PDB file of all heavy atoms in Angstrom:
ATOM      1  N   GLU A   1     148.032  74.510 159.241  1.00  0.00           N
ATOM      2  CA  GLU A   1     149.098  73.980 160.083  1.00  0.00           C
ATOM      3  C   GLU A   1     150.149  73.230 159.273  1.00  0.00           C
ATOM      4  O   GLU A   1     151.152  72.774 159.821  1.00  0.00           O
ATOM      5  CB  GLU A   1     148.501  73.036 161.140  1.00  0.00           C
ATOM      6  CG  GLU A   1     147.485  73.696 162.058  1.00  0.00           C
ATOM      7  CD  GLU A   1     148.094  74.845 162.842  1.00  0.00           C
ATOM      8  OE1 GLU A   1     149.250  74.710 163.287  1.00  0.00           O
ATOM      9  OE2 GLU A   1     147.413  75.885 162.998  1.00  0.00           O
ATOM     10  N   GLU A   2     149.904  73.095 157.966  1.00  0.00           N
ATOM     11  CA  GLU A   2     150.834  72.374 157.093  1.00  0.00           C
ATOM     12  C   GLU A   2     152.022  73.289 156.766  1.00  0.00           C
ATOM     13  O   GLU A   2     152.059  73.978 155.763  1.00  0.00           O
ATOM     14  CB  GLU A   2     150.109  71.946 155.808  1.00  0.00           C
ATOM     15  CG  GLU A   2     150.879  70.975 154.950  1.00  0.00           C
ATOM     16  CD  GLU A   2     150.039  70.479 153.780  1.00  0.00           C
ATOM     17  OE1 GLU A   2     149.043  71.146 153.435  1.00  0.00           O
ATOM     18  OE2 GLU A   2     150.372  69.431 153.236  1.00  0.00           O
ATOM     19  N   ASN A   3     153.000  73.294 157.615  1.00  0.00           N
ATOM     20  CA  ASN A   3     154.112  74.234 157.547  1.00  0.00           C
ATOM     21  C   ASN A   3     155.103  73.838 156.455  1.00  0.00           C
ATOM     22  O   ASN A   3     155.304  72.663 156.180  1.00  0.00           O
ATOM     23  CB  ASN A   3     154.824  74.272 158.907  1.00  0.00           C
ATOM     24  CG  ASN A   3     155.853  75.382 158.970  1.00  0.00           C
ATOM     25  OD1 ASN A   3     155.789  76.336 158.216  1.00  0.00           O
ATOM     26  ND2 ASN A   3     156.802  75.239 159.872  1.00  0.00           N
ATOM     27  N   GLY A   4     155.750  74.825 155.848  1.00  0.00           N
ATOM     28  CA  GLY A   4     156.818  74.535 154.910  1.00  0.00           C
ATOM     29  C   GLY A   4     156.765  75.376 153.650  1.00  0.00           C
ATOM     30  O   GLY A   4     155.852  76.171 153.429  1.00  0.00           O
ATOM     31  N   ILE A   5     157.772  75.177 152.805  1.00  0.00           N
ATOM     32  CA  ILE A   5     157.932  75.896 151.540  1.00  0.00           C
ATOM     33  C   ILE A   5     158.152  74.887 150.432  1.00  0.00           C
ATOM     34  O   ILE A   5     158.819  73.863 150.620  1.00  0.00           O
ATOM     35  CB  ILE A   5     159.150  76.846 151.610  1.00  0.00           C
ATOM     36  CG1 ILE A   5     158.958  77.901 152.693  1.00  0.00           C
ATOM     37  CG2 ILE A   5     159.414  77.501 150.247  1.00  0.00           C
ATOM     38  CD1 ILE A   5     157.878  78.922 152.413  1.00  0.00           C
ATOM     39  N   LEU A   6     157.586  75.158 149.268  1.00  0.00           N
ATOM     40  CA  LEU A   6     157.841  74.328 148.090  1.00  0.00           C
ATOM     41  C   LEU A   6     158.516  75.164 147.009  1.00  0.00           C
ATOM     42  O   LEU A   6     158.233  76.357 146.860  1.00  0.00           O
ATOM     43  CB  LEU A   6     156.554  73.695 147.569  1.00  0.00           C
ATOM     44  CG  LEU A   6     155.437  74.582 147.024  1.00  0.00           C
ATOM     45  CD1 LEU A   6     155.644  74.969 145.567  1.00  0.00           C
ATOM     46  CD2 LEU A   6     154.089  73.886 147.196  1.00  0.00           C
ATOM     47  N   VAL A   7     159.432  74.546 146.276  1.00  0.00           N
ATOM     48  CA  VAL A   7     160.094  75.164 145.138  1.00  0.00           C
ATOM     49  C   VAL A   7     159.871  74.257 143.937  1.00  0.00           C
ATOM     50  O   VAL A   7     160.103  73.043 144.016  1.00  0.00           O
ATOM     51  CB  VAL A   7     161.611  75.336 145.381  1.00  0.00           C
ATOM     52  CG1 VAL A   7     162.278  75.963 144.152  1.00  0.00           C
ATOM     53  CG2 VAL A   7     161.861  76.189 146.616  1.00  0.00           C
ATOM     54  N   VAL A   8     159.383  74.824 142.838  1.00  0.00           N
ATOM     55  CA  VAL A   8     159.064  74.034 141.648  1.00  0.00           C
ATOM     56  C   VAL A   8     160.302  73.918 140.764  1.00  0.00           C
ATOM     57  O   VAL A   8     160.815  74.918 140.261  1.00  0.00           O
ATOM     58  CB  VAL A   8     157.912  74.670 140.852  1.00  0.00           C
ATOM     59  CG1 VAL A   8     157.527  73.769 139.680  1.00  0.00           C
ATOM     60  CG2 VAL A   8     156.707  74.938 141.746  1.00  0.00           C
ATOM     61  N   ALA A   9     160.778  72.692 140.586  1.00  0.00           N
ATOM     62  CA  ALA A   9     161.908  72.452 139.688  1.00  0.00           C
ATOM     63  C   ALA A   9     161.427  72.219 138.261  1.00  0.00           C
ATOM     64  O   ALA A   9     162.045  72.671 137.298  1.00  0.00           O
ATOM     65  CB  ALA A   9     162.721  71.252 140.180  1.00  0.00           C
ATOM     66  N   SER A  10     160.310  71.508 138.114  1.00  0.00           N
ATOM     67  CA  SER A  10     159.731  71.277 136.791  1.00  0.00           C
ATOM     68  C   SER A  10     158.252  70.948 136.958  1.00  0.00           C
ATOM     69  O   SER A  10     157.797  70.584 138.041  1.00  0.00           O
ATOM     70  CB  SER A  10     160.449  70.116 136.075  1.00  0.00           C
ATOM     71  OG  SER A  10     160.240  68.893 136.759  1.00  0.00           O
ATOM     72  N   GLY A  11     157.496  71.102 135.879  1.00  0.00           N
ATOM     73  CA  GLY A  11     156.074  70.801 135.911  1.00  0.00           C
ATOM     74  C   GLY A  11     155.210  72.029 136.111  1.00  0.00           C
ATOM     75  O   GLY A  11     155.636  73.163 135.870  1.00  0.00           O
ATOM     76  N   ARG A  12     153.997  71.805 136.573  1.00  0.00           N
ATOM     77  CA  ARG A  12     153.014  72.884 136.717  1.00  0.00           C
ATOM     78  C   ARG A  12     152.063  72.523 137.855  1.00  0.00           C
ATOM     79  O   ARG A  12     151.601  71.379 137.968  1.00  0.00           O
ATOM     80  CB  ARG A  12     152.255  73.046 135.397  1.00  0.00           C
ATOM     81  CG  ARG A  12     151.310  74.233 135.315  1.00  0.00           C
ATOM     82  CD  ARG A  12     150.776  74.320 133.883  1.00  0.00           C
ATOM     83  NE  ARG A  12     149.762  75.331 133.710  1.00  0.00           N
ATOM     84  CZ  ARG A  12     149.991  76.618 133.459  1.00  0.00           C
ATOM     85  NH1 ARG A  12     151.230  77.040 133.375  1.00  0.00           N
ATOM     86  NH2 ARG A  12     149.009  77.465 133.272  1.00  0.00           N
ATOM     87  N   LEU A  13     151.754  73.510 138.701  1.00  0.00           N
ATOM     88  CA  LEU A  13     150.874  73.302 139.842  1.00  0.00           C
ATOM     89  C   LEU A  13     149.764  74.337 139.850  1.00  0.00           C
ATOM     90  O   LEU A  13     149.954  75.463 139.385  1.00  0.00           O
ATOM     91  CB  LEU A  13     151.637  73.394 141.170  1.00  0.00           C
ATOM     92  CG  LEU A  13     152.633  72.282 141.519  1.00  0.00           C
ATOM     93  CD1 LEU A  13     153.948  72.479 140.775  1.00  0.00           C
ATOM     94  CD2 LEU A  13     152.896  72.256 143.012  1.00  0.00           C
ATOM     95  N   ARG A  14     148.605  73.942 140.389  1.00  0.00           N
ATOM     96  CA  ARG A  14     147.450  74.836 140.475  1.00  0.00           C
ATOM     97  C   ARG A  14     147.083  75.062 141.937  1.00  0.00           C
ATOM     98  O   ARG A  14     146.927  74.113 142.706  1.00  0.00           O
ATOM     99  CB  ARG A  14     146.255  74.221 139.735  1.00  0.00           C
ATOM    100  CG  ARG A  14     144.960  75.030 139.833  1.00  0.00           C
ATOM    101  CD  ARG A  14     143.879  74.415 138.976  1.00  0.00           C
ATOM    102  NE  ARG A  14     143.331  73.195 139.549  1.00  0.00           N
ATOM    103  CZ  ARG A  14     142.127  73.094 140.126  1.00  0.00           C
ATOM    104  NH1 ARG A  14     141.343  74.167 140.206  1.00  0.00           N
ATOM    105  NH2 ARG A  14     141.691  71.943 140.604  1.00  0.00           N
ATOM    106  N   MET A  15     146.929  76.331 142.321  1.00  0.00           N
ATOM    107  CA  MET A  15     146.409  76.678 143.638  1.00  0.00           C
ATOM    108  C   MET A  15     144.921  76.983 143.492  1.00  0.00           C
ATOM    109  O   MET A  15     144.525  77.745 142.612  1.00  0.00           O
ATOM    110  CB  MET A  15     147.137  77.900 144.202  1.00  0.00           C
ATOM    111  CG  MET A  15     146.579  78.380 145.531  1.00  0.00           C
ATOM    112  SD  MET A  15     147.296  79.961 146.043  1.00  0.00           S
ATOM    113  CE  MET A  15     148.925  79.416 146.516  1.00  0.00           C
ATOM    114  N   TYR A  16     144.098  76.412 144.376  1.00  0.00           N
ATOM    115  CA  TYR A  16     142.656  76.587 144.201  1.00  0.00           C
ATOM    116  C   TYR A  16     141.913  76.451 145.524  1.00  0.00           C
ATOM    117  O   TYR A  16     142.461  76.007 146.542  1.00  0.00           O
ATOM    118  CB  TYR A  16     142.118  75.568 143.190  1.00  0.00           C
ATOM    119  CG  TYR A  16     142.219  74.123 143.615  1.00  0.00           C
ATOM    120  CD1 TYR A  16     141.109  73.427 144.062  1.00  0.00           C
ATOM    121  CD2 TYR A  16     143.434  73.440 143.548  1.00  0.00           C
ATOM    122  CE1 TYR A  16     141.187  72.092 144.440  1.00  0.00           C
ATOM    123  CE2 TYR A  16     143.528  72.110 143.914  1.00  0.00           C
ATOM    124  CZ  TYR A  16     142.404  71.442 144.363  1.00  0.00           C
ATOM    125  OH  TYR A  16     142.495  70.121 144.739  1.00  0.00           O
ATOM    126  N   LEU A  17     140.646  76.858 145.486  1.00  0.00           N
ATOM    127  CA  LEU A  17     139.718  76.699 146.596  1.00  0.00           C
ATOM    128  C   LEU A  17     138.550  75.840 146.138  1.00  0.00           C
ATOM    129  O   LEU A  17     138.225  75.809 144.942  1.00  0.00           O
ATOM    130  CB  LEU A  17     139.202  78.060 147.078  1.00  0.00           C
ATOM    131  CG  LEU A  17     140.243  79.021 147.677  1.00  0.00           C
ATOM    132  CD1 LEU A  17     139.605  80.392 147.901  1.00  0.00           C
ATOM    133  CD2 LEU A  17     140.807  78.471 148.972  1.00  0.00           C
ATOM    134  N   VAL A  18     137.903  75.179 147.074  1.00  0.00           N
ATOM    135  CA  VAL A  18     136.768  74.314 146.751  1.00  0.00           C
ATOM    136  C   VAL A  18     135.536  74.812 147.488  1.00  0.00           C
ATOM    137  O   VAL A  18     135.561  75.009 148.711  1.00  0.00           O
ATOM    138  CB  VAL A  18     137.049  72.853 147.145  1.00  0.00           C
ATOM    139  CG1 VAL A  18     135.818  71.984 146.868  1.00  0.00           C
ATOM    140  CG2 VAL A  18     138.243  72.318 146.375  1.00  0.00           C
ATOM    141  N   GLY A  19     134.452  75.050 146.724  1.00  0.00           N
ATOM    142  CA  GLY A  19     133.178  75.416 147.307  1.00  0.00           C
ATOM    143  C   GLY A  19     132.228  74.239 147.304  1.00  0.00           C
ATOM    144  O   GLY A  19     132.626  73.101 147.070  1.00  0.00           O
ATOM    145  N   GLU A  20     130.953  74.505 147.533  1.00  0.00           N
ATOM    146  CA  GLU A  20     129.974  73.431 147.587  1.00  0.00           C
ATOM    147  C   GLU A  20     129.764  72.764 146.234  1.00  0.00           C
ATOM    148  O   GLU A  20     129.541  71.559 146.154  1.00  0.00           O
ATOM    149  CB  GLU A  20     128.636  73.969 148.107  1.00  0.00           C
ATOM    150  CG  GLU A  20     128.665  74.387 149.577  1.00  0.00           C
ATOM    151  CD  GLU A  20     127.300  74.807 150.068  1.00  0.00           C
ATOM    152  OE1 GLU A  20     126.355  74.754 149.253  1.00  0.00           O
ATOM    153  OE2 GLU A  20     127.170  75.172 151.252  1.00  0.00           O
ATOM    154  N   ASP A  21     129.814  73.569 145.153  1.00  0.00           N
ATOM    155  CA  ASP A  21     129.489  73.003 143.852  1.00  0.00           C
ATOM    156  C   ASP A  21     130.518  73.295 142.772  1.00  0.00           C
ATOM    157  O   ASP A  21     130.303  72.990 141.600  1.00  0.00           O
ATOM    158  CB  ASP A  21     128.122  73.513 143.385  1.00  0.00           C
ATOM    159  CG  ASP A  21     128.071  75.038 143.307  1.00  0.00           C
ATOM    160  OD1 ASP A  21     129.036  75.688 143.759  1.00  0.00           O
ATOM    161  OD2 ASP A  21     127.077  75.568 142.797  1.00  0.00           O
ATOM    162  N   ARG A  22     131.669  73.883 143.131  1.00  0.00           N
ATOM    163  CA  ARG A  22     132.675  74.175 142.110  1.00  0.00           C
ATOM    164  C   ARG A  22     134.021  74.474 142.750  1.00  0.00           C
ATOM    165  O   ARG A  22     134.127  74.683 143.953  1.00  0.00           O
ATOM    166  CB  ARG A  22     132.247  75.361 141.248  1.00  0.00           C
ATOM    167  CG  ARG A  22     132.141  76.680 141.997  1.00  0.00           C
ATOM    168  CD  ARG A  22     131.667  77.793 141.091  1.00  0.00           C
ATOM    169  NE  ARG A  22     131.507  79.041 141.815  1.00  0.00           N
ATOM    170  CZ  ARG A  22     131.057  80.167 141.260  1.00  0.00           C
ATOM    171  NH1 ARG A  22     130.720  80.184 139.995  1.00  0.00           N
ATOM    172  NH2 ARG A  22     130.936  81.277 141.982  1.00  0.00           N
ATOM    173  N   GLU A  23     135.027  74.469 141.880  1.00  0.00           N
ATOM    174  CA  GLU A  23     136.373  74.844 142.297  1.00  0.00           C
ATOM    175  C   GLU A  23     136.720  76.197 141.680  1.00  0.00           C
ATOM    176  O   GLU A  23     136.206  76.570 140.619  1.00  0.00           O
ATOM    177  CB  GLU A  23     137.390  73.801 141.825  1.00  0.00           C
ATOM    178  CG  GLU A  23     137.199  72.437 142.454  1.00  0.00           C
ATOM    179  CD  GLU A  23     138.200  71.423 141.935  1.00  0.00           C
ATOM    180  OE1 GLU A  23     139.021  71.780 141.056  1.00  0.00           O
ATOM    181  OE2 GLU A  23     138.162  70.261 142.384  1.00  0.00           O
ATOM    182  N   LEU A  24     137.600  76.933 142.359  1.00  0.00           N
ATOM    183  CA  LEU A  24     138.042  78.237 141.866  1.00  0.00           C
ATOM    184  C   LEU A  24     139.562  78.255 141.846  1.00  0.00           C
ATOM    185  O   LEU A  24     140.207  78.197 142.893  1.00  0.00           O
ATOM    186  CB  LEU A  24     137.519  79.358 142.759  1.00  0.00           C
ATOM    187  CG  LEU A  24     137.944  80.782 142.373  1.00  0.00           C
ATOM    188  CD1 LEU A  24     137.403  81.153 140.993  1.00  0.00           C
ATOM    189  CD2 LEU A  24     137.454  81.786 143.411  1.00  0.00           C
ATOM    190  N   SER A  25     140.139  78.293 140.651  1.00  0.00           N
ATOM    191  CA  SER A  25     141.592  78.354 140.512  1.00  0.00           C
ATOM    192  C   SER A  25     142.067  79.770 140.809  1.00  0.00           C
ATOM    193  O   SER A  25     141.496  80.750 140.329  1.00  0.00           O
ATOM    194  CB  SER A  25     142.026  77.955 139.100  1.00  0.00           C
ATOM    195  OG  SER A  25     141.681  76.608 138.836  1.00  0.00           O
ATOM    196  N   LEU A  26     143.125  79.873 141.605  1.00  0.00           N
ATOM    197  CA  LEU A  26     143.647  81.174 142.007  1.00  0.00           C
ATOM    198  C   LEU A  26     144.966  81.528 141.331  1.00  0.00           C
ATOM    199  O   LEU A  26     145.220  82.691 141.035  1.00  0.00           O
ATOM    200  CB  LEU A  26     143.846  81.205 143.529  1.00  0.00           C
ATOM    201  CG  LEU A  26     142.595  81.010 144.380  1.00  0.00           C
ATOM    202  CD1 LEU A  26     142.986  80.924 145.856  1.00  0.00           C
ATOM    203  CD2 LEU A  26     141.612  82.151 144.158  1.00  0.00           C
ATOM    204  N   PHE A  27     145.808  80.522 141.089  1.00  0.00           N
ATOM    205  CA  PHE A  27     147.150  80.811 140.579  1.00  0.00           C
ATOM    206  C   PHE A  27     147.776  79.521 140.066  1.00  0.00           C
ATOM    207  O   PHE A  27     147.468  78.434 140.556  1.00  0.00           O
ATOM    208  CB  PHE A  27     148.009  81.404 141.705  1.00  0.00           C
ATOM    209  CG  PHE A  27     149.311  82.010 141.242  1.00  0.00           C
ATOM    210  CD1 PHE A  27     149.322  83.137 140.455  1.00  0.00           C
ATOM    211  CD2 PHE A  27     150.530  81.454 141.617  1.00  0.00           C
ATOM    212  CE1 PHE A  27     150.516  83.707 140.026  1.00  0.00           C
ATOM    213  CE2 PHE A  27     151.725  82.010 141.203  1.00  0.00           C
ATOM    214  CZ  PHE A  27     151.723  83.137 140.408  1.00  0.00           C
ATOM    215  N   TYR A  28     148.661  79.661 139.073  1.00  0.00           N
ATOM    216  CA  TYR A  28     149.422  78.526 138.555  1.00  0.00           C
ATOM    217  C   TYR A  28     150.914  78.765 138.786  1.00  0.00           C
ATOM    218  O   TYR A  28     151.420  79.855 138.531  1.00  0.00           O
ATOM    219  CB  TYR A  28     149.144  78.323 137.065  1.00  0.00           C
ATOM    220  CG  TYR A  28     147.823  77.647 136.784  1.00  0.00           C
ATOM    221  CD1 TYR A  28     146.650  78.390 136.692  1.00  0.00           C
ATOM    222  CD2 TYR A  28     147.752  76.267 136.608  1.00  0.00           C
ATOM    223  CE1 TYR A  28     145.428  77.764 136.451  1.00  0.00           C
ATOM    224  CE2 TYR A  28     146.535  75.639 136.354  1.00  0.00           C
ATOM    225  CZ  TYR A  28     145.382  76.385 136.273  1.00  0.00           C
ATOM    226  OH  TYR A  28     144.181  75.774 136.035  1.00  0.00           O
ATOM    227  N   PHE A  29     151.599  77.723 139.265  1.00  0.00           N
ATOM    228  CA  PHE A  29     153.036  77.789 139.493  1.00  0.00           C
ATOM    229  C   PHE A  29     153.766  77.014 138.412  1.00  0.00           C
ATOM    230  O   PHE A  29     153.306  75.958 137.972  1.00  0.00           O
ATOM    231  CB  PHE A  29     153.399  77.172 140.851  1.00  0.00           C
ATOM    232  CG  PHE A  29     152.766  77.840 142.032  1.00  0.00           C
ATOM    233  CD1 PHE A  29     151.640  77.304 142.642  1.00  0.00           C
ATOM    234  CD2 PHE A  29     153.304  79.012 142.549  1.00  0.00           C
ATOM    235  CE1 PHE A  29     151.056  77.913 143.742  1.00  0.00           C
ATOM    236  CE2 PHE A  29     152.724  79.633 143.647  1.00  0.00           C
ATOM    237  CZ  PHE A  29     151.602  79.085 144.238  1.00  0.00           C
ATOM    238  N   GLY A  30     154.945  77.539 138.011  1.00  0.00           N
ATOM    239  CA  GLY A  30     155.789  76.859 137.039  1.00  0.00           C
ATOM    240  C   GLY A  30     157.211  76.764 137.549  1.00  0.00           C
ATOM    241  O   GLY A  30     157.514  77.170 138.681  1.00  0.00           O
ATOM    242  N   PRO A  31     158.128  76.241 136.741  1.00  0.00           N
ATOM    243  CA  PRO A  31     159.520  76.083 137.164  1.00  0.00           C
ATOM    244  C   PRO A  31     160.130  77.395 137.663  1.00  0.00           C
ATOM    245  O   PRO A  31     159.984  78.438 137.040  1.00  0.00           O
ATOM    246  CB  PRO A  31     160.219  75.603 135.886  1.00  0.00           C
ATOM    247  CG  PRO A  31     159.142  74.895 135.129  1.00  0.00           C
ATOM    248  CD  PRO A  31     157.896  75.699 135.385  1.00  0.00           C
ATOM    249  N   GLY A  32     160.796  77.316 138.809  1.00  0.00           N
ATOM    250  CA  GLY A  32     161.420  78.489 139.409  1.00  0.00           C
ATOM    251  C   GLY A  32     160.537  79.215 140.397  1.00  0.00           C
ATOM    252  O   GLY A  32     161.006  80.093 141.113  1.00  0.00           O
ATOM    253  N   ASP A  33     159.250  78.852 140.461  1.00  0.00           N
ATOM    254  CA  ASP A  33     158.346  79.484 141.423  1.00  0.00           C
ATOM    255  C   ASP A  33     158.473  78.799 142.787  1.00  0.00           C
ATOM    256  O   ASP A  33     158.849  77.628 142.892  1.00  0.00           O
ATOM    257  CB  ASP A  33     156.895  79.394 140.955  1.00  0.00           C
ATOM    258  CG  ASP A  33     156.590  80.355 139.831  1.00  0.00           C
ATOM    259  OD1 ASP A  33     157.367  81.321 139.654  1.00  0.00           O
ATOM    260  OD2 ASP A  33     155.586  80.148 139.124  1.00  0.00           O
ATOM    261  N   MET A  34     158.135  79.543 143.831  1.00  0.00           N
ATOM    262  CA  MET A  34     158.153  78.996 145.183  1.00  0.00           C
ATOM    263  C   MET A  34     156.995  79.597 145.969  1.00  0.00           C
ATOM    264  O   MET A  34     156.539  80.697 145.677  1.00  0.00           O
ATOM    265  CB  MET A  34     159.491  79.303 145.866  1.00  0.00           C
ATOM    266  CG  MET A  34     159.812  80.778 145.993  1.00  0.00           C
ATOM    267  SD  MET A  34     161.470  81.089 146.678  1.00  0.00           S
ATOM    268  CE  MET A  34     162.466  80.833 145.218  1.00  0.00           C
ATOM    269  N   PHE A  35     156.515  78.852 146.952  1.00  0.00           N
ATOM    270  CA  PHE A  35     155.382  79.339 147.734  1.00  0.00           C
ATOM    271  C   PHE A  35     155.304  78.563 149.040  1.00  0.00           C
ATOM    272  O   PHE A  35     155.887  77.488 149.183  1.00  0.00           O
ATOM    273  CB  PHE A  35     154.074  79.185 146.951  1.00  0.00           C
ATOM    274  CG  PHE A  35     153.008  80.179 147.335  1.00  0.00           C
ATOM    275  CD1 PHE A  35     153.125  81.509 146.968  1.00  0.00           C
ATOM    276  CD2 PHE A  35     151.903  79.786 148.070  1.00  0.00           C
ATOM    277  CE1 PHE A  35     152.153  82.432 147.327  1.00  0.00           C
ATOM    278  CE2 PHE A  35     150.930  80.691 148.426  1.00  0.00           C
ATOM    279  CZ  PHE A  35     151.055  82.024 148.060  1.00  0.00           C
ATOM    280  N   CYS A  36     154.542  79.119 150.009  1.00  0.00           N
ATOM    281  CA  CYS A  36     154.364  78.440 151.289  1.00  0.00           C
ATOM    282  C   CYS A  36     153.295  77.364 151.162  1.00  0.00           C
ATOM    283  O   CYS A  36     152.431  77.416 150.284  1.00  0.00           O
ATOM    284  CB  CYS A  36     153.999  79.437 152.377  1.00  0.00           C
ATOM    285  SG  CYS A  36     152.385  80.204 152.146  1.00  0.00           S
ATOM    286  N   ARG A  37     153.347  76.399 152.078  1.00  0.00           N
ATOM    287  CA  ARG A  37     152.383  75.307 152.072  1.00  0.00           C
ATOM    288  C   ARG A  37     151.270  75.516 153.100  1.00  0.00           C
ATOM    289  O   ARG A  37     150.406  74.658 153.264  1.00  0.00           O
ATOM    290  CB  ARG A  37     153.101  73.980 152.340  1.00  0.00           C
ATOM    291  CG  ARG A  37     154.204  73.671 151.335  1.00  0.00           C
ATOM    292  CD  ARG A  37     154.936  72.389 151.680  1.00  0.00           C
ATOM    293  NE  ARG A  37     154.048  71.234 151.548  1.00  0.00           N
ATOM    294  CZ  ARG A  37     154.358  70.018 152.010  1.00  0.00           C
ATOM    295  NH1 ARG A  37     155.490  69.828 152.662  1.00  0.00           N
ATOM    296  NH2 ARG A  37     153.514  69.016 151.842  1.00  0.00           N
ATOM    297  N   HIS A  38     151.289  76.651 153.794  1.00  0.00           N
ATOM    298  CA  HIS A  38     150.307  76.894 154.846  1.00  0.00           C
ATOM    299  C   HIS A  38     149.385  78.075 154.517  1.00  0.00           C
ATOM    300  O   HIS A  38     148.919  78.779 155.400  1.00  0.00           O
ATOM    301  CB  HIS A  38     151.023  77.152 156.177  1.00  0.00           C
ATOM    302  CG  HIS A  38     152.062  78.231 156.099  1.00  0.00           C
ATOM    303  ND1 HIS A  38     153.372  77.962 155.793  1.00  0.00           N
ATOM    304  CD2 HIS A  38     151.993  79.562 156.278  1.00  0.00           C
ATOM    305  CE1 HIS A  38     154.063  79.091 155.796  1.00  0.00           C
ATOM    306  NE2 HIS A  38     153.234  80.072 156.081  1.00  0.00           N
TER     307      HIS A  38
END
C-alpha cells in the first residue's frame, strides 16, 4: 500500500526480501535509476 515512485539522484540502494533466518538481495539501484515503492 506504500504508493509512489523513487528516483535515485546519488548513492546506492538495495532491494531485498527477508526470510526467517536470512536476507536475499534482489537488485541494486544507482544514480539515474527509478522504481516503484509498492
